[in-house]
Amino acid sequence: MQIIPIRDLRNTTAISEACNNSREPIFITKNGYGDMVLMNMEVYEQLTASAELYRKLMIAEQEYANGKMLDGRTALANLRARYE
């Protein structure tokens, strides 16, 4: 884990290299307190994709628990009827 003060953001090349060479976020402090987090774009996209997947799985589990489900044949028949 890397923690740097906000004044070090002036060195953009070094910050960019640190972000791209690590899969860990860089924590930025201001006056000794947490202020921002920087991370590699690829890592961020993977993180948000994982969060979206877990959100959709949670919704599916809630629908299953509430009985909002169809068997496979019925679901396929509904899709065929809609798009044919």
C-alpha atoms as a PDB file:
ATOM      1  CA  MET A   1       0.000   0.000   0.000  1.00  0.00           C
ATOM      2  CA  GLN A   2       1.352   3.386  -0.982  1.00  0.00           C
ATOM      3  CA  ILE A   3       0.378   6.619   0.779  1.00  0.00           C
ATOM      4  CA  ILE A   4       1.605   9.973  -0.480  1.00  0.00           C
ATOM      5  CA  PRO A   5       0.824  13.593   0.393  1.00  0.00           C
ATOM      6  CA  ILE A   6      -1.153  15.658  -2.097  1.00  0.00           C
ATOM      7  CA  ARG A   7       1.847  17.925  -2.802  1.00  0.00           C
ATOM      8  CA  ASP A   8       3.589  14.925  -4.443  1.00  0.00           C
ATOM      9  CA  LEU A   9       0.976  14.942  -7.218  1.00  0.00           C
ATOM     10  CA  ARG A  10       3.100  17.557  -8.979  1.00  0.00           C
ATOM     11  CA  ASN A  11       5.322  14.741 -10.215  1.00  0.00           C
ATOM     12  CA  THR A  12       2.749  13.321 -12.606  1.00  0.00           C
ATOM     13  CA  THR A  13       5.162  11.026 -14.448  1.00  0.00           C
ATOM     14  CA  ALA A  14       6.230   9.258 -11.258  1.00  0.00           C
ATOM     15  CA  ILE A  15       2.626   8.961 -10.069  1.00  0.00           C
ATOM     16  CA  SER A  16       1.542   7.517 -13.417  1.00  0.00           C
ATOM     17  CA  GLU A  17       4.378   4.983 -13.355  1.00  0.00           C
ATOM     18  CA  ALA A  18       3.532   3.995  -9.783  1.00  0.00           C
ATOM     19  CA  CYS A  19      -0.127   3.447 -10.747  1.00  0.00           C
ATOM     20  CA  ASN A  20       0.749   1.427 -13.826  1.00  0.00           C
ATOM     21  CA  ASN A  21       3.401  -0.702 -12.109  1.00  0.00           C
ATOM     22  CA  SER A  22       1.161  -1.725  -9.237  1.00  0.00           C
ATOM     23  CA  ARG A  23      -2.243  -3.332  -8.964  1.00  0.00           C
ATOM     24  CA  GLU A  24      -2.731  -1.568  -5.627  1.00  0.00           C
ATOM     25  CA  PRO A  25      -4.324   1.858  -5.159  1.00  0.00           C
ATOM     26  CA  ILE A  26      -2.285   4.888  -4.123  1.00  0.00           C
ATOM     27  CA  PHE A  27      -3.815   6.787  -1.215  1.00  0.00           C
ATOM     28  CA  ILE A  28      -3.461  10.574  -1.286  1.00  0.00           C
ATOM     29  CA  THR A  29      -3.478  12.513   1.966  1.00  0.00           C
ATOM     30  CA  LYS A  30      -4.193  16.176   2.592  1.00  0.00           C
ATOM     31  CA  ASN A  31      -3.096  17.684   5.886  1.00  0.00           C
ATOM     32  CA  GLY A  32      -2.442  14.171   7.165  1.00  0.00           C
ATOM     33  CA  TYR A  33      -5.933  12.855   6.397  1.00  0.00           C
ATOM     34  CA  GLY A  34      -7.162  10.618   3.577  1.00  0.00           C
ATOM     35  CA  ASP A  35      -8.398  12.645   0.624  1.00  0.00           C
ATOM     36  CA  MET A  36      -8.265  10.649  -2.649  1.00  0.00           C
ATOM     37  CA  VAL A  37      -7.372   7.298  -4.141  1.00  0.00           C
ATOM     38  CA  LEU A  38      -5.571   6.787  -7.454  1.00  0.00           C
ATOM     39  CA  MET A  39      -5.396   3.508  -9.310  1.00  0.00           C
ATOM     40  CA  ASN A  40      -4.555   1.956 -12.629  1.00  0.00           C
ATOM     41  CA  MET A  41      -7.430   2.244 -15.147  1.00  0.00           C
ATOM     42  CA  GLU A  42      -7.406  -1.481 -15.948  1.00  0.00           C
ATOM     43  CA  VAL A  43      -7.612  -2.394 -12.261  1.00  0.00           C
ATOM     44  CA  TYR A  44     -10.449   0.102 -11.789  1.00  0.00           C
ATOM     45  CA  GLU A  45     -12.403  -1.341 -14.719  1.00  0.00           C
ATOM     46  CA  GLN A  46     -11.970  -4.878 -13.368  1.00  0.00           C
ATOM     47  CA  LEU A  47     -13.086  -3.718  -9.930  1.00  0.00           C
ATOM     48  CA  THR A  48     -16.214  -2.018 -11.260  1.00  0.00           C
ATOM     49  CA  ALA A  49     -17.040  -5.000 -13.505  1.00  0.00           C
ATOM     50  CA  SER A  50     -16.791  -7.325 -10.503  1.00  0.00           C
ATOM     51  CA  ALA A  51     -19.009  -5.029  -8.436  1.00  0.00           C
ATOM     52  CA  GLU A  52     -21.608  -4.969 -11.236  1.00  0.00           C
ATOM     53  CA  LEU A  53     -21.540  -8.759 -11.511  1.00  0.00           C
ATOM     54  CA  TYR A  54     -22.075  -9.165  -7.766  1.00  0.00           C
ATOM     55  CA  ARG A  55     -24.915  -6.612  -7.879  1.00  0.00           C
ATOM     56  CA  LYS A  56     -26.660  -8.583 -10.649  1.00  0.00           C
ATOM     57  CA  LEU A  57     -26.153 -11.863  -8.786  1.00  0.00           C
ATOM     58  CA  MET A  58     -27.674 -10.335  -5.655  1.00  0.00           C
ATOM     59  CA  ILE A  59     -30.714  -9.193  -7.650  1.00  0.00           C
ATOM     60  CA  ALA A  60     -31.065 -12.674  -9.191  1.00  0.00           C
ATOM     61  CA  GLU A  61     -30.867 -14.325  -5.760  1.00  0.00           C
ATOM     62  CA  GLN A  62     -33.543 -11.956  -4.424  1.00  0.00           C
ATOM     63  CA  GLU A  63     -35.807 -12.719  -7.383  1.00  0.00           C
ATOM     64  CA  TYR A  64     -35.271 -16.450  -6.862  1.00  0.00           C
ATOM     65  CA  ALA A  65     -36.080 -16.110  -3.145  1.00  0.00           C
ATOM     66  CA  ASN A  66     -39.284 -14.201  -4.035  1.00  0.00           C
ATOM     67  CA  GLY A  67     -40.367 -16.849  -6.540  1.00  0.00           C
ATOM     68  CA  LYS A  68     -39.844 -14.623  -9.590  1.00  0.00           C
ATOM     69  CA  MET A  69     -38.426 -17.270 -11.873  1.00  0.00           C
ATOM     70  CA  LEU A  70     -39.303 -19.287 -14.946  1.00  0.00           C
ATOM     71  CA  ASP A  71     -38.095 -22.685 -15.994  1.00  0.00           C
ATOM     72  CA  GLY A  72     -35.726 -22.738 -18.979  1.00  0.00           C
ATOM     73  CA  ARG A  73     -38.255 -23.916 -21.555  1.00  0.00           C
ATOM     74  CA  THR A  74     -40.769 -21.222 -20.637  1.00  0.00           C
ATOM     75  CA  ALA A  75     -38.105 -18.497 -20.669  1.00  0.00           C
ATOM     76  CA  LEU A  76     -36.842 -19.572 -24.119  1.00  0.00           C
ATOM     77  CA  ALA A  77     -40.375 -19.785 -25.484  1.00  0.00           C
ATOM     78  CA  ASN A  78     -41.064 -16.242 -24.253  1.00  0.00           C
ATOM     79  CA  LEU A  79     -37.859 -14.958 -25.884  1.00  0.00           C
ATOM     80  CA  ARG A  80     -38.643 -16.678 -29.182  1.00  0.00           C
ATOM     81  CA  ALA A  81     -42.160 -15.261 -29.199  1.00  0.00           C
ATOM     82  CA  ARG A  82     -40.842 -11.769 -28.512  1.00  0.00           C
ATOM     83  CA  TYR A  83     -38.091 -11.739 -31.164  1.00  0.00           C
ATOM     84  CA  GLU A  84     -39.526 -13.861 -33.996  1.00  0.00           C
END
